[in-house]
Amino acid sequence: MQNHSALAMQHSATYGIDMPIAFPEVQAAEFKDLARETAEGSTGGSLAWTEFAGASNLIAWRFRSALESWHKYQEIEAIKAKTHEDYYQQECLFFNMFASAVSCIESSTYAIAAILSHDSMLSMPFNAKEQKNCSPYNLHTWLLKSNNQKKVEVLEKVFKSLLASDEWNRFQEIRNRLSHRSNLPRHLFASVGCATPAADLINYGGTTSTKKIEASLSDFDALVTWLSKTLCELLNAGIALMSTRQLVQNESCKISLN
């Protein structure tokens, strides 16, 4: 990401809003189109489509929110003489970045689970209980229990990689800290008559239940890059799974025509 310059955006025909260029627009469009072909208006598909439609909007909205928040955080960071108001704004933006990033991944997970519940996919249960408990961890567990391991192999591997990644754990750790626990204010360093003490650009003290946060801006740029890459992988896995249904349909048509 480029710091202190305008966040590069492009219009998304899929969502009707401007999206950061880091958003996997091509994959998102195909993912949504295939889901519509799979579930919208089909027999037994109303629940799958309704749940998918709501979650799929959040995929884009939360992605943009995360990147916009991080970009604005860096714009304030570039101010040499920051005020208390500036630090307050940064705290809000830092929180929103992590809350939105986690929500983006969880919304993608929910959308995929909704489609998997369709009769033509896995007929996976997705009623109130499953909807409330839908998370990357739980969906991965459900996939491991599937009777059709070959069909879900690619999707299962993507979730396995996501869950094992340091980046996902980092996103959740900081989101939970800012959302659910006490949070010490950011450490600020200054000096009078001598060199400024060495310090990471983002430094929050630890508490009895949380680790301290010490990182540079580039470390968090890397998290944003991971978010874009992982979202693309999730969408591609969903596309591949839904495409198997399209292939089966096409082969069935060929058989009936011959």
Protein backbone atom coordinates (compact mmCIF):
# COMPACT_ATOMS: atom_id res chain seq x y z
CA MET A 1 0.00 0.00 0.00
CA GLN A 2 1.09 3.54 -0.64
CA ASN A 3 1.01 5.75 2.42
CA HIS A 4 -0.26 9.32 2.58
CA SER A 5 -1.75 9.32 -0.94
CA ALA A 6 -5.32 8.85 -2.11
CA LEU A 7 -6.58 5.30 -1.70
CA ALA A 8 -6.77 3.88 -5.23
CA MET A 9 -10.37 2.98 -6.04
CA GLN A 10 -12.36 1.65 -8.96
CA HIS A 11 -16.10 1.32 -9.49
CA SER A 12 -17.55 -2.11 -8.79
CA ALA A 13 -20.34 -3.03 -11.18
CA THR A 14 -21.06 -6.00 -8.93
CA TYR A 15 -21.79 -3.89 -5.85
CA GLY A 16 -22.56 -0.47 -7.33
CA ILE A 17 -19.99 1.33 -5.19
CA ASP A 18 -16.34 2.29 -5.51
CA MET A 19 -14.00 -0.36 -4.17
CA PRO A 20 -10.24 -0.39 -3.45
CA ILE A 21 -8.29 -1.83 -6.37
CA ALA A 22 -7.01 -4.51 -3.98
CA PHE A 23 -10.55 -5.96 -3.88
CA PRO A 24 -10.84 -9.13 -6.03
CA GLU A 25 -13.62 -7.74 -8.20
CA VAL A 26 -13.47 -10.39 -10.94
CA GLN A 27 -13.73 -13.23 -8.44
CA ALA A 28 -16.49 -11.49 -6.47
CA ALA A 29 -18.57 -11.02 -9.63
CA GLU A 30 -18.23 -14.66 -10.69
CA PHE A 31 -18.86 -15.87 -7.15
CA LYS A 32 -22.10 -13.90 -6.96
CA ASP A 33 -23.25 -14.84 -10.47
CA LEU A 34 -22.73 -18.56 -9.85
CA ALA A 35 -24.54 -18.34 -6.52
CA ARG A 36 -27.47 -16.67 -8.24
CA GLU A 37 -27.60 -19.40 -10.88
CA THR A 38 -27.36 -22.03 -8.16
CA ALA A 39 -29.91 -20.81 -5.65
CA GLU A 40 -32.05 -17.85 -6.68
CA GLY A 41 -35.59 -18.90 -7.48
CA SER A 42 -34.79 -22.61 -7.57
CA THR A 43 -36.70 -25.27 -5.71
CA GLY A 44 -35.54 -25.33 -2.12
CA GLY A 45 -33.16 -22.47 -2.78
CA SER A 46 -34.90 -19.52 -1.16
CA LEU A 47 -33.15 -19.91 2.21
CA ALA A 48 -29.74 -20.40 0.63
CA TRP A 49 -30.13 -17.35 -1.60
CA THR A 50 -31.58 -15.10 1.10
CA GLU A 51 -28.75 -15.85 3.51
CA PHE A 52 -26.14 -15.62 0.77
CA ALA A 53 -27.39 -12.28 -0.56
CA GLY A 54 -27.09 -10.50 2.79
CA ALA A 55 -23.64 -11.90 3.55
CA SER A 56 -22.26 -11.28 0.07
CA ASN A 57 -22.93 -7.54 0.35
CA LEU A 58 -20.96 -7.38 3.58
CA ILE A 59 -17.95 -9.00 1.90
CA ALA A 60 -17.41 -5.86 -0.15
CA TRP A 61 -18.58 -3.29 2.38
CA ARG A 62 -16.35 -4.61 5.17
CA PHE A 63 -13.35 -4.94 2.86
CA ARG A 64 -13.64 -1.31 1.79
CA SER A 65 -14.22 -0.20 5.38
CA ALA A 66 -11.07 -1.98 6.58
CA LEU A 67 -8.84 -0.47 3.90
CA GLU A 68 -10.32 3.01 4.19
CA SER A 69 -9.81 2.99 7.95
CA TRP A 70 -6.20 1.90 7.66
CA HIS A 71 -5.48 4.49 4.98
CA LYS A 72 -7.01 7.30 7.06
CA TYR A 73 -5.05 6.10 10.10
CA GLN A 74 -1.84 6.53 8.14
CA GLU A 75 -2.88 9.98 6.94
CA ILE A 76 -3.21 11.09 10.57
CA GLU A 77 0.05 9.36 11.45
CA ALA A 78 1.81 11.62 8.94
CA ILE A 79 0.78 14.73 10.95
CA LYS A 80 3.83 15.89 12.89
CA ALA A 81 2.02 17.68 15.72
CA LYS A 82 -0.98 15.47 16.48
CA THR A 83 -3.71 16.58 18.89
CA HIS A 84 -5.74 14.53 21.36
CA GLU A 85 -8.51 14.56 18.75
CA ASP A 86 -6.12 13.03 16.22
CA TYR A 87 -5.25 10.20 18.60
CA TYR A 88 -8.94 9.61 19.30
CA GLN A 89 -9.63 9.38 15.57
CA GLN A 90 -6.76 6.94 15.14
CA GLU A 91 -8.11 4.74 17.93
CA CYS A 92 -11.51 4.60 16.19
CA LEU A 93 -9.93 3.87 12.81
CA PHE A 94 -7.65 1.17 14.25
CA PHE A 95 -10.64 -0.53 15.84
CA ASN A 96 -12.71 -0.31 12.67
CA MET A 97 -9.92 -1.71 10.53
CA PHE A 98 -9.70 -4.90 12.57
CA ALA A 99 -13.43 -5.28 13.20
CA SER A 100 -14.15 -4.85 9.48
CA ALA A 101 -11.38 -7.19 8.35
CA VAL A 102 -12.61 -10.00 10.61
CA SER A 103 -16.18 -9.35 9.48
CA CYS A 104 -15.10 -9.54 5.82
CA ILE A 105 -13.67 -13.05 6.31
CA GLU A 106 -16.61 -14.15 8.44
CA SER A 107 -19.12 -12.80 5.90
CA SER A 108 -17.34 -14.72 3.15
CA THR A 109 -17.53 -17.84 5.29
CA TYR A 110 -21.25 -17.31 5.92
CA ALA A 111 -21.96 -16.76 2.22
CA ILE A 112 -20.14 -19.97 1.29
CA ALA A 113 -21.98 -21.92 4.00
CA ALA A 114 -25.32 -20.62 2.73
CA ILE A 115 -24.60 -21.90 -0.78
CA LEU A 116 -23.40 -25.25 0.57
CA SER A 117 -26.83 -25.68 2.15
CA HIS A 118 -28.49 -25.76 -1.27
CA ASP A 119 -29.82 -29.11 -2.46
CA SER A 120 -27.62 -29.10 -5.54
CA MET A 121 -24.46 -28.57 -3.48
CA LEU A 122 -24.06 -30.42 -0.15
CA SER A 123 -27.51 -29.96 1.44
CA MET A 124 -25.57 -28.92 4.54
CA PRO A 125 -27.87 -27.97 7.44
CA PHE A 126 -28.01 -24.18 7.78
CA ASN A 127 -30.87 -23.35 10.09
CA ALA A 128 -30.83 -20.93 13.04
CA LYS A 129 -28.36 -22.97 15.08
CA GLU A 130 -25.87 -23.36 12.23
CA GLN A 131 -26.24 -19.72 11.20
CA LYS A 132 -25.42 -18.49 14.71
CA ASN A 133 -22.41 -20.79 14.96
CA CYS A 134 -21.07 -20.17 11.47
CA SER A 135 -17.37 -19.27 11.63
CA PRO A 136 -14.25 -20.24 9.67
CA TYR A 137 -13.38 -22.80 12.35
CA ASN A 138 -16.85 -24.37 12.46
CA LEU A 139 -17.29 -24.42 8.70
CA HIS A 140 -13.92 -26.14 8.36
CA THR A 141 -15.05 -28.71 10.92
CA TRP A 142 -18.28 -29.27 9.00
CA LEU A 143 -16.34 -29.73 5.75
CA LEU A 144 -14.13 -32.37 7.36
CA LYS A 145 -17.28 -34.31 8.23
CA SER A 146 -18.68 -34.11 4.70
CA ASN A 147 -19.47 -37.36 2.92
CA ASN A 148 -18.07 -35.86 -0.28
CA GLN A 149 -14.45 -35.11 0.61
CA LYS A 150 -13.31 -34.96 -3.01
CA LYS A 151 -15.85 -32.24 -3.80
CA VAL A 152 -14.90 -30.02 -0.86
CA GLU A 153 -11.15 -30.71 -0.92
CA VAL A 154 -10.08 -27.32 -2.31
CA LEU A 155 -12.39 -25.37 -0.02
CA GLU A 156 -11.28 -27.37 3.02
CA LYS A 157 -7.62 -26.64 2.27
CA VAL A 158 -8.26 -22.90 1.97
CA PHE A 159 -9.96 -22.81 5.37
CA LYS A 160 -7.23 -24.96 6.88
CA SER A 161 -4.61 -22.49 5.65
CA LEU A 162 -6.63 -19.52 6.88
CA LEU A 163 -7.06 -20.95 10.37
CA ALA A 164 -3.37 -21.79 10.68
CA SER A 165 -2.16 -18.37 9.53
CA ASP A 166 -0.52 -15.90 11.90
CA GLU A 167 -2.39 -13.10 10.12
CA TRP A 168 -5.86 -14.45 10.91
CA ASN A 169 -4.89 -14.99 14.53
CA ARG A 170 -3.50 -11.46 14.64
CA PHE A 171 -6.67 -9.95 13.20
CA GLN A 172 -8.83 -11.80 15.73
CA GLU A 173 -6.52 -11.09 18.66
CA ILE A 174 -6.49 -7.33 18.13
CA ARG A 175 -10.21 -7.19 17.21
CA ASN A 176 -11.10 -9.03 20.42
CA ARG A 177 -8.80 -6.88 22.49
CA LEU A 178 -10.29 -3.64 21.19
CA SER A 179 -13.86 -4.95 21.32
CA HIS A 180 -14.13 -6.98 24.50
CA ARG A 181 -11.31 -6.10 26.88
CA SER A 182 -9.66 -3.18 28.57
CA ASN A 183 -7.20 -1.45 26.31
CA LEU A 184 -4.25 0.59 27.47
CA PRO A 185 -3.74 3.75 25.43
CA ARG A 186 -1.09 3.87 22.79
CA HIS A 187 2.44 4.53 24.04
CA LEU A 188 3.80 7.86 22.81
CA PHE A 189 7.50 8.70 22.82
CA ALA A 190 9.09 12.12 23.08
CA SER A 191 12.41 13.67 24.03
CA VAL A 192 13.84 16.99 25.16
CA GLY A 193 17.37 17.93 24.15
CA CYS A 194 18.35 14.48 22.89
CA ALA A 195 17.44 11.91 20.28
CA THR A 196 13.94 10.46 20.36
CA PRO A 197 13.92 7.02 21.99
CA ALA A 198 13.64 4.17 19.52
CA ALA A 199 10.08 2.87 19.35
CA ASP A 200 7.77 1.04 17.00
CA LEU A 201 5.34 3.30 15.19
CA ILE A 202 2.35 1.51 16.72
CA ASN A 203 2.85 0.53 20.33
CA TYR A 204 0.14 -0.47 22.81
CA GLY A 205 0.98 -1.78 26.24
CA GLY A 206 -0.02 -5.23 27.41
CA THR A 207 -2.60 -6.06 30.03
CA THR A 208 -2.98 -9.08 32.28
CA SER A 209 -4.98 -10.81 29.53
CA THR A 210 -3.50 -9.34 26.35
CA LYS A 211 -0.10 -9.12 24.73
CA LYS A 212 1.48 -5.79 23.97
CA ILE A 213 1.21 -4.59 20.39
CA GLU A 214 4.47 -3.48 18.79
CA ALA A 215 4.55 -3.10 15.03
CA SER A 216 5.46 -0.80 12.18
CA LEU A 217 3.10 0.57 9.57
CA SER A 218 4.51 -1.89 7.04
CA ASP A 219 3.51 -4.78 9.32
CA PHE A 220 -0.11 -3.71 9.10
CA ASP A 221 0.19 -3.05 5.38
CA ALA A 222 1.15 -6.74 5.16
CA LEU A 223 -2.03 -7.70 7.03
CA VAL A 224 -4.10 -5.78 4.47
CA THR A 225 -2.29 -7.58 1.65
CA TRP A 226 -3.07 -10.90 3.36
CA LEU A 227 -6.74 -9.93 3.64
CA SER A 228 -6.97 -9.29 -0.10
CA LYS A 229 -5.13 -12.51 -0.98
CA THR A 230 -7.15 -14.68 1.40
CA LEU A 231 -10.47 -13.23 0.28
CA CYS A 232 -9.50 -14.01 -3.31
CA GLU A 233 -8.65 -17.60 -2.34
CA LEU A 234 -11.99 -18.05 -0.54
CA LEU A 235 -13.95 -16.71 -3.51
CA ASN A 236 -12.01 -18.89 -5.96
CA ALA A 237 -12.69 -21.96 -3.82
CA GLY A 238 -16.38 -21.13 -3.74
CA ILE A 239 -16.37 -20.61 -7.51
CA ALA A 240 -14.65 -23.95 -8.08
CA LEU A 241 -17.19 -25.76 -5.92
CA MET A 242 -20.20 -24.16 -7.61
CA SER A 243 -18.64 -24.77 -11.02
CA THR A 244 -18.72 -28.51 -10.37
CA ARG A 245 -22.49 -28.22 -10.15
CA GLN A 246 -22.58 -26.36 -13.47
CA LEU A 247 -20.37 -29.04 -15.05
CA VAL A 248 -22.62 -31.83 -13.80
CA GLN A 249 -25.65 -30.02 -15.20
CA ASN A 250 -23.97 -29.56 -18.58
CA GLU A 251 -22.91 -33.21 -18.74
CA SER A 252 -26.47 -34.26 -17.88
CA CYS A 253 -27.73 -32.16 -20.77
CA LYS A 254 -25.24 -33.78 -23.15
CA ILE A 255 -26.35 -37.24 -22.06
CA SER A 256 -30.01 -36.46 -22.52
CA LEU A 257 -29.41 -34.95 -25.96
CA ASN A 258 -27.50 -37.97 -27.19
